[in-house]
Amino acid sequence: MPPLITLVIIDSDASARESIEATLRPFAETISIVGSAESLTAAVRIMEQSAPHVVILEVNDIQRGMQEVQYITSRFPRTSVIVSSAEKSSDWILSLMRAGAVEYMLRPVTQEELKQALQKVGRFFFGKSEETPRGKLISVYYPTGGTGTTTVAVNLAASLASEGTKVALVDLNLFSGDVGTFLDVNPTYTLSSVTSNIDRLDANFLMTVMTRHSSGPFVLTEPNEVDDAISITPEQVHRILEFLRGVFTYVVVDCGGPLAGCNMAIFESSDLILFTTALSLPALKNAKRYLSAMERKGLRKDRLKLVVNRYLPKADIQVKDAEKVLGHTVFQTIPNEYMDVVESINKGVPVVKMSPKSAVSKAITNLAELIVKL
């Protein structure tokens, strides 16, 4: 008999309470709803009688929400609080996580997001199940700048994060990362906030330092200072990535630089490496050198997928030429839609969200669909 999670719903919207109950009905063998109320005041007696494992708490006022989270976690220390809110602000998420919430779900809550939140809480209570799948880690790489790895990583993460799927986007291009710029975020906490507190690493701490972008992904940006980047070790990178895989369905990593140190830690953890290049002689020459070196270092060819960015169908060098030179089949081409991409960067919105019908958006959406099927 699987372990039973007891749950109380606190939500002023009766239809939202009914929707959550309906979503959880198929899981009645493992999740028992012991009460439902329109306010914390009305729910306290239920909680006193049942001491639930989980409370799903609606928050529409940040100060009151923080007070209610703190009250529940102090009065019922064995109860985990999952917040549901229509507010997308990263400040709200960080504040409520610091107050003690273990999860933050955007309203309207999808079935997939609710399932994932409860699975995570279930692992806290009952230990990690051997059957719980680890998230898929996808690294987007080219050794030098100029081929659009950040464009691919940012938009791939946004595409994968549709319909409530939990996606992390991590900037591990330690010395020239641009994810924060592309998404117009300037978070209080960055990657070095995690590495400098590596011994505190757990789900609660991790969620407080990640910024949820309006396009869907939870973002961990590059260090602000070069000195902070220098101090990050491969062991720290490996530990962070493995932890992220336990929390998120997909982890997308933007990276670049030499085949050593932190990059090798990334690749060894990766299920898929999207080697992103362009159809120019310098780019292909470099790609050939690095693809060969990666295979010599034990990175299997089936994990290396070739993505051609800024593709022009009538260019001098064709896809078949690149495939012949590199010894790899092109996994996806992404057309050269310079104006659409630059406009999206300037506005801090992924092009797949800002211009979903553009050719570049359709190509990246197709890339995401191919990855989901792998």
Protein backbone atom coordinates (compact mmCIF):
# COMPACT_ATOMS: atom_id res chain seq x y z
CA MET A 1 0.00 0.00 0.00
CA PRO A 2 1.56 3.35 -1.04
CA PRO A 3 1.95 6.06 1.61
CA LEU A 4 -0.99 8.45 2.07
CA ILE A 5 -0.56 12.23 1.85
CA THR A 6 -3.25 14.17 3.73
CA LEU A 7 -4.15 17.56 2.32
CA VAL A 8 -6.19 20.68 3.12
CA ILE A 9 -7.22 23.26 0.50
CA ILE A 10 -7.55 26.92 1.51
CA ASP A 11 -8.96 29.04 -1.31
CA SER A 12 -11.54 31.83 -1.43
CA ASP A 13 -12.68 30.66 -4.88
CA ALA A 14 -15.08 27.71 -4.55
CA SER A 15 -14.59 26.73 -8.20
CA ALA A 16 -10.78 26.66 -7.70
CA ARG A 17 -11.23 24.36 -4.67
CA GLU A 18 -13.48 22.08 -6.70
CA SER A 19 -10.98 22.06 -9.58
CA ILE A 20 -8.13 20.97 -7.29
CA GLU A 21 -10.35 18.28 -5.75
CA ALA A 22 -11.31 17.01 -9.22
CA THR A 23 -7.67 16.99 -10.32
CA LEU A 24 -6.67 14.90 -7.29
CA ARG A 25 -9.59 12.48 -7.43
CA PRO A 26 -7.73 9.92 -9.61
CA PHE A 27 -5.01 9.76 -6.92
CA ALA A 28 -7.35 8.97 -4.02
CA GLU A 29 -5.28 5.94 -3.03
CA THR A 30 -2.26 8.11 -2.22
CA ILE A 31 -3.73 11.59 -1.57
CA SER A 32 -6.55 12.15 0.91
CA ILE A 33 -8.26 15.58 0.99
CA VAL A 34 -9.21 15.95 4.66
CA GLY A 35 -10.71 19.42 4.37
CA SER A 36 -11.44 22.45 2.21
CA ALA A 37 -12.09 26.02 3.37
CA GLU A 38 -12.38 29.55 2.03
CA SER A 39 -9.97 31.07 4.58
CA LEU A 40 -7.18 30.16 6.99
CA THR A 41 -9.45 31.04 9.92
CA ALA A 42 -12.03 28.54 8.71
CA ALA A 43 -9.37 25.89 8.08
CA VAL A 44 -7.58 26.01 11.46
CA ARG A 45 -9.98 23.62 13.20
CA ILE A 46 -9.69 21.12 10.35
CA MET A 47 -5.90 21.35 10.60
CA GLU A 48 -5.93 20.93 14.37
CA GLN A 49 -7.94 17.72 13.99
CA SER A 50 -6.03 16.23 11.04
CA ALA A 51 -2.48 17.74 11.15
CA PRO A 52 -2.27 17.46 7.33
CA HIS A 53 0.92 16.76 5.47
CA VAL A 54 0.15 19.49 2.93
CA VAL A 55 -1.83 22.74 2.74
CA ILE A 56 -2.55 24.32 -0.65
CA LEU A 57 -2.92 28.02 0.20
CA GLU A 58 -4.27 30.73 -2.08
CA VAL A 59 -2.31 34.00 -1.80
CA ASN A 60 -3.51 37.27 -3.35
CA ASP A 61 -1.88 39.66 -0.87
CA ILE A 62 1.84 39.24 -0.28
CA GLN A 63 2.02 40.50 3.33
CA ARG A 64 -0.98 38.48 4.45
CA GLY A 65 0.29 35.49 2.50
CA MET A 66 3.68 35.56 4.22
CA GLN A 67 1.99 35.84 7.63
CA GLU A 68 -0.31 32.90 6.87
CA VAL A 69 2.56 30.72 5.61
CA GLN A 70 4.59 31.52 8.74
CA TYR A 71 1.58 30.83 10.98
CA ILE A 72 0.90 27.42 9.39
CA THR A 73 4.54 26.29 9.44
CA SER A 74 5.08 27.41 13.06
CA ARG A 75 1.76 26.05 14.37
CA PHE A 76 1.96 22.84 12.34
CA PRO A 77 5.68 22.16 11.82
CA ARG A 78 5.11 18.87 9.99
CA THR A 79 2.86 20.54 7.41
CA SER A 80 4.25 21.70 4.05
CA VAL A 81 2.64 24.75 2.44
CA ILE A 82 2.15 24.93 -1.33
CA VAL A 83 1.14 28.43 -2.46
CA SER A 84 -1.13 29.13 -5.43
CA SER A 85 -1.21 32.68 -6.79
CA ALA A 86 -1.92 34.62 -9.98
CA GLU A 87 1.09 36.86 -9.29
CA LYS A 88 4.16 36.08 -11.45
CA SER A 89 6.57 38.39 -9.60
CA SER A 90 9.85 36.79 -8.56
CA ASP A 91 9.75 38.95 -5.41
CA TRP A 92 6.52 37.22 -4.37
CA ILE A 93 7.98 33.78 -5.02
CA LEU A 94 11.17 34.52 -3.06
CA SER A 95 9.28 36.14 -0.16
CA LEU A 96 6.83 33.26 0.20
CA MET A 97 9.57 30.65 -0.09
CA ARG A 98 11.54 32.46 2.61
CA ALA A 99 8.41 32.52 4.76
CA GLY A 100 8.36 28.72 4.55
CA ALA A 101 6.40 27.66 1.45
CA VAL A 102 7.89 24.64 -0.34
CA GLU A 103 6.31 25.31 -3.73
CA TYR A 104 4.74 28.17 -5.70
CA MET A 105 2.15 27.42 -8.38
CA LEU A 106 0.76 29.96 -10.83
CA ARG A 107 -3.02 30.15 -11.15
CA PRO A 108 -4.88 28.66 -12.85
CA VAL A 109 -3.14 25.57 -11.50
CA THR A 110 -2.61 22.84 -14.11
CA GLN A 111 -2.90 19.16 -13.34
CA GLU A 112 0.76 18.57 -14.27
CA GLU A 113 2.05 21.35 -12.02
CA LEU A 114 -0.07 20.15 -9.10
CA LYS A 115 1.11 16.56 -9.57
CA GLN A 116 4.75 17.61 -9.65
CA ALA A 117 4.39 19.78 -6.54
CA LEU A 118 2.81 16.94 -4.58
CA GLN A 119 5.34 14.41 -5.84
CA LYS A 120 8.10 16.67 -4.52
CA VAL A 121 6.38 17.07 -1.15
CA GLY A 122 5.76 13.32 -1.07
CA ARG A 123 9.48 12.70 -1.45
CA PHE A 124 10.15 15.04 1.50
CA PHE A 125 7.87 12.94 3.70
CA PHE A 126 8.43 9.43 2.47
CA GLY A 127 11.88 9.45 0.93
CA LYS A 128 12.78 9.39 -2.72
CA SER A 129 11.15 6.57 -4.61
CA GLU A 130 13.38 4.44 -6.76
CA GLU A 131 10.76 4.77 -9.50
CA THR A 132 10.78 8.58 -9.51
CA PRO A 133 12.29 9.64 -12.86
CA ARG A 134 15.12 12.15 -12.85
CA GLY A 135 14.73 15.25 -14.94
CA LYS A 136 16.38 15.40 -18.36
CA LEU A 137 19.48 17.63 -18.55
CA ILE A 138 20.13 19.36 -21.88
CA SER A 139 23.26 21.44 -22.42
CA VAL A 140 23.55 23.93 -25.29
CA TYR A 141 27.19 24.39 -26.26
CA TYR A 142 29.67 25.93 -28.62
CA PRO A 143 33.24 26.65 -27.45
CA THR A 144 33.26 30.33 -28.46
CA GLY A 145 30.62 33.02 -28.82
CA GLY A 146 28.75 33.95 -31.95
CA THR A 147 26.63 30.93 -32.83
CA GLY A 148 23.60 31.74 -30.71
CA THR A 149 23.77 29.20 -27.88
CA THR A 150 22.02 31.60 -25.50
CA THR A 151 19.22 32.26 -28.00
CA VAL A 152 18.70 28.51 -28.39
CA ALA A 153 18.90 27.80 -24.64
CA VAL A 154 16.52 30.59 -23.58
CA ASN A 155 13.90 29.79 -26.21
CA LEU A 156 14.19 26.03 -25.77
CA ALA A 157 13.58 26.43 -22.03
CA ALA A 158 10.55 28.64 -22.68
CA SER A 159 9.16 26.10 -25.18
CA LEU A 160 9.64 23.17 -22.79
CA ALA A 161 8.00 25.13 -19.94
CA SER A 162 4.60 25.25 -21.62
CA GLU A 163 1.55 23.76 -19.88
CA GLY A 164 3.05 23.80 -16.40
CA THR A 165 6.12 21.62 -17.06
CA LYS A 166 8.82 22.55 -14.55
CA VAL A 167 11.93 23.76 -16.36
CA ALA A 168 15.18 25.19 -14.99
CA LEU A 169 17.40 27.41 -17.15
CA VAL A 170 20.97 27.68 -15.84
CA ASP A 171 23.66 30.00 -17.20
CA LEU A 172 26.93 28.12 -16.83
CA ASN A 173 28.76 30.20 -19.40
CA LEU A 174 30.69 31.42 -16.40
CA PHE A 175 32.75 34.24 -17.91
CA SER A 176 30.46 35.63 -20.61
CA GLY A 177 26.95 34.51 -19.72
CA ASP A 178 24.00 36.45 -21.16
CA VAL A 179 20.84 34.66 -20.01
CA GLY A 180 20.02 37.47 -17.56
CA THR A 181 20.37 40.05 -20.35
CA PHE A 182 18.27 38.05 -22.82
CA LEU A 183 15.44 37.76 -20.28
CA ASP A 184 15.86 41.24 -18.79
CA VAL A 185 16.28 39.92 -15.27
CA ASN A 186 18.64 41.27 -12.64
CA PRO A 187 18.17 38.84 -9.77
CA THR A 188 19.40 39.39 -6.25
CA TYR A 189 20.83 35.87 -6.24
CA THR A 190 22.96 34.18 -8.92
CA LEU A 191 24.82 30.92 -9.42
CA SER A 192 27.50 32.00 -6.94
CA SER A 193 24.76 32.40 -4.29
CA VAL A 194 24.27 28.63 -4.59
CA THR A 195 27.93 27.61 -4.77
CA SER A 196 28.87 29.78 -1.77
CA ASN A 197 26.10 28.06 0.25
CA ILE A 198 26.51 24.59 -1.22
CA ASP A 199 26.14 22.86 2.17
CA ARG A 200 22.66 24.39 2.56
CA LEU A 201 21.49 23.05 -0.81
CA ASP A 202 17.96 21.72 -0.57
CA ALA A 203 14.72 22.33 -2.46
CA ASN A 204 13.64 25.26 -0.30
CA PHE A 205 16.98 27.08 -0.57
CA LEU A 206 17.24 26.42 -4.30
CA MET A 207 13.78 27.83 -5.04
CA THR A 208 14.52 31.01 -3.08
CA VAL A 209 17.55 31.84 -5.24
CA MET A 210 16.00 31.01 -8.62
CA THR A 211 13.96 33.61 -10.49
CA ARG A 212 10.82 32.45 -12.26
CA HIS A 213 10.58 34.28 -15.59
CA SER A 214 7.17 35.20 -16.97
CA SER A 215 7.83 32.88 -19.94
CA GLY A 216 7.87 29.87 -17.59
CA PRO A 217 11.39 28.68 -16.71
CA PHE A 218 13.03 29.08 -13.30
CA VAL A 219 16.29 30.90 -14.01
CA LEU A 220 19.69 30.69 -12.32
CA THR A 221 21.94 33.34 -13.87
CA GLU A 222 25.70 33.61 -14.22
CA PRO A 223 27.78 35.15 -11.38
CA ASN A 224 27.92 38.95 -11.35
CA GLU A 225 31.67 39.08 -10.67
CA VAL A 226 34.50 37.38 -12.58
CA ASP A 227 36.19 36.44 -9.29
CA ASP A 228 33.04 34.56 -8.24
CA ALA A 229 33.11 32.58 -11.48
CA ILE A 230 36.76 31.61 -10.99
CA SER A 231 36.00 30.05 -7.61
CA ILE A 232 33.24 27.72 -8.89
CA THR A 233 34.42 24.09 -9.02
CA PRO A 234 33.35 21.13 -11.20
CA GLU A 235 32.20 19.31 -8.05
CA GLN A 236 29.88 22.19 -7.16
CA VAL A 237 28.48 22.28 -10.71
CA HIS A 238 27.85 18.54 -10.67
CA ARG A 239 26.09 18.72 -7.31
CA ILE A 240 23.85 21.63 -8.38
CA LEU A 241 22.87 19.96 -11.65
CA GLU A 242 22.07 16.63 -10.00
CA PHE A 243 19.91 18.40 -7.44
CA LEU A 244 18.08 20.36 -10.14
CA ARG A 245 17.32 17.09 -11.94
CA GLY A 246 15.54 15.89 -8.83
CA VAL A 247 13.25 18.94 -8.81
CA PHE A 248 12.68 19.86 -12.47
CA THR A 249 11.41 17.87 -15.46
CA TYR A 250 13.95 19.57 -17.74
CA VAL A 251 17.18 21.40 -16.93
CA VAL A 252 18.56 23.51 -19.82
CA VAL A 253 22.17 24.69 -19.45
CA ASP A 254 23.78 27.43 -21.54
CA CYS A 255 27.54 26.85 -21.66
CA GLY A 256 30.70 27.60 -23.63
CA GLY A 257 34.48 27.54 -23.34
CA PRO A 258 37.12 24.79 -23.16
CA LEU A 259 36.56 21.04 -22.80
CA ALA A 260 37.76 21.00 -19.21
CA GLY A 261 36.77 21.78 -15.64
CA CYS A 262 33.16 22.86 -15.13
CA ASN A 263 32.21 22.19 -18.75
CA MET A 264 33.19 18.53 -18.45
CA ALA A 265 31.10 18.30 -15.26
CA ILE A 266 28.16 19.68 -17.27
CA PHE A 267 28.65 17.25 -20.16
CA GLU A 268 29.08 14.22 -17.90
CA SER A 269 25.71 15.07 -16.30
CA SER A 270 23.97 15.81 -19.62
CA ASP A 271 21.49 13.48 -21.26
CA LEU A 272 21.78 15.54 -24.42
CA ILE A 273 24.37 18.02 -25.70
CA LEU A 274 23.06 20.39 -28.39
CA PHE A 275 26.22 21.40 -30.21
CA THR A 276 25.11 24.67 -31.82
CA THR A 277 27.02 25.88 -34.86
CA ALA A 278 26.56 27.91 -38.04
CA LEU A 279 27.20 27.11 -41.71
CA SER A 280 30.39 29.13 -42.07
CA LEU A 281 33.91 27.81 -42.66
CA PRO A 282 35.36 29.07 -39.33
CA ALA A 283 32.41 27.74 -37.33
CA LEU A 284 32.48 24.33 -39.02
CA LYS A 285 36.26 24.03 -38.67
CA ASN A 286 35.99 24.69 -34.96
CA ALA A 287 32.99 22.38 -34.67
CA LYS A 288 34.92 19.50 -36.26
CA ARG A 289 37.82 19.91 -33.83
CA TYR A 290 35.60 20.03 -30.77
CA LEU A 291 33.16 17.29 -31.76
CA SER A 292 36.11 14.94 -32.35
CA ALA A 293 37.66 15.91 -29.02
CA MET A 294 34.36 15.39 -27.18
CA GLU A 295 34.03 11.88 -28.57
CA ARG A 296 37.63 11.11 -27.58
CA LYS A 297 36.75 12.21 -24.05
CA GLY A 298 34.05 9.55 -23.91
CA LEU A 299 30.97 11.62 -24.78
CA ARG A 300 28.96 9.21 -26.91
CA LYS A 301 27.95 10.33 -30.36
CA ASP A 302 24.26 9.61 -29.67
CA ARG A 303 24.30 12.25 -26.89
CA LEU A 304 25.74 14.90 -29.24
CA LYS A 305 23.05 16.48 -31.40
CA LEU A 306 24.02 19.00 -34.06
CA VAL A 307 21.92 22.19 -34.24
CA VAL A 308 22.56 24.61 -37.12
CA ASN A 309 21.60 28.14 -36.12
CA ARG A 310 21.13 31.16 -38.41
CA TYR A 311 20.37 28.80 -41.28
CA LEU A 312 19.99 30.28 -44.78
CA PRO A 313 18.69 27.76 -47.37
CA LYS A 314 20.54 29.44 -50.25
CA ALA A 315 23.89 29.84 -48.48
CA ASP A 316 27.11 28.65 -50.13
CA ILE A 317 27.52 25.86 -47.57
CA GLN A 318 24.56 23.46 -47.40
CA VAL A 319 23.40 21.17 -44.58
CA LYS A 320 24.58 18.07 -46.45
CA ASP A 321 28.08 19.62 -46.71
CA ALA A 322 28.20 20.23 -42.96
CA GLU A 323 26.99 16.70 -42.21
CA LYS A 324 29.70 15.24 -44.43
CA VAL A 325 32.47 17.34 -42.87
CA LEU A 326 31.36 16.83 -39.26
CA GLY A 327 30.24 13.21 -39.44
CA HIS A 328 26.98 14.12 -37.68
CA THR A 329 23.42 14.36 -38.94
CA VAL A 330 21.88 17.78 -38.36
CA PHE A 331 19.25 17.38 -35.64
CA GLN A 332 17.54 20.74 -36.24
CA THR A 333 18.08 23.84 -38.34
CA ILE A 334 17.02 27.24 -36.97
CA PRO A 335 16.50 29.91 -39.64
CA ASN A 336 18.23 33.28 -39.64
CA GLU A 337 15.45 35.63 -38.45
CA TYR A 338 17.73 38.36 -37.15
CA MET A 339 15.16 41.11 -36.59
CA ASP A 340 12.71 38.89 -34.69
CA VAL A 341 15.44 37.56 -32.41
CA VAL A 342 17.03 40.97 -31.70
CA GLU A 343 13.63 42.50 -30.93
CA SER A 344 12.88 39.68 -28.48
CA ILE A 345 16.24 40.17 -26.73
CA ASN A 346 15.72 43.92 -26.46
CA LYS A 347 12.31 43.35 -24.87
CA GLY A 348 13.50 40.54 -22.56
CA VAL A 349 10.92 38.08 -23.93
CA PRO A 350 11.82 34.79 -25.67
CA VAL A 351 11.00 34.96 -29.37
CA VAL A 352 8.87 31.78 -29.05
CA LYS A 353 6.55 33.77 -26.76
CA MET A 354 6.76 37.18 -28.47
CA SER A 355 6.47 35.97 -32.10
CA PRO A 356 5.23 32.35 -31.93
CA LYS A 357 4.39 32.25 -35.65
CA SER A 358 7.84 33.30 -36.84
CA ALA A 359 10.01 30.75 -38.62
CA VAL A 360 12.63 30.78 -35.85
CA SER A 361 9.96 30.16 -33.18
CA LYS A 362 8.49 27.25 -35.12
CA ALA A 363 11.95 25.70 -35.51
CA ILE A 364 12.74 25.96 -31.79
CA THR A 365 9.29 24.64 -30.86
CA ASN A 366 9.98 21.68 -33.14
CA LEU A 367 13.37 21.20 -31.44
CA ALA A 368 11.58 21.05 -28.06
CA GLU A 369 9.11 18.48 -29.43
CA LEU A 370 11.95 16.31 -30.72
CA ILE A 371 13.64 16.41 -27.32
CA VAL A 372 10.44 15.46 -25.50
CA LYS A 373 10.11 12.39 -27.75
CA LEU A 374 13.68 11.17 -27.14
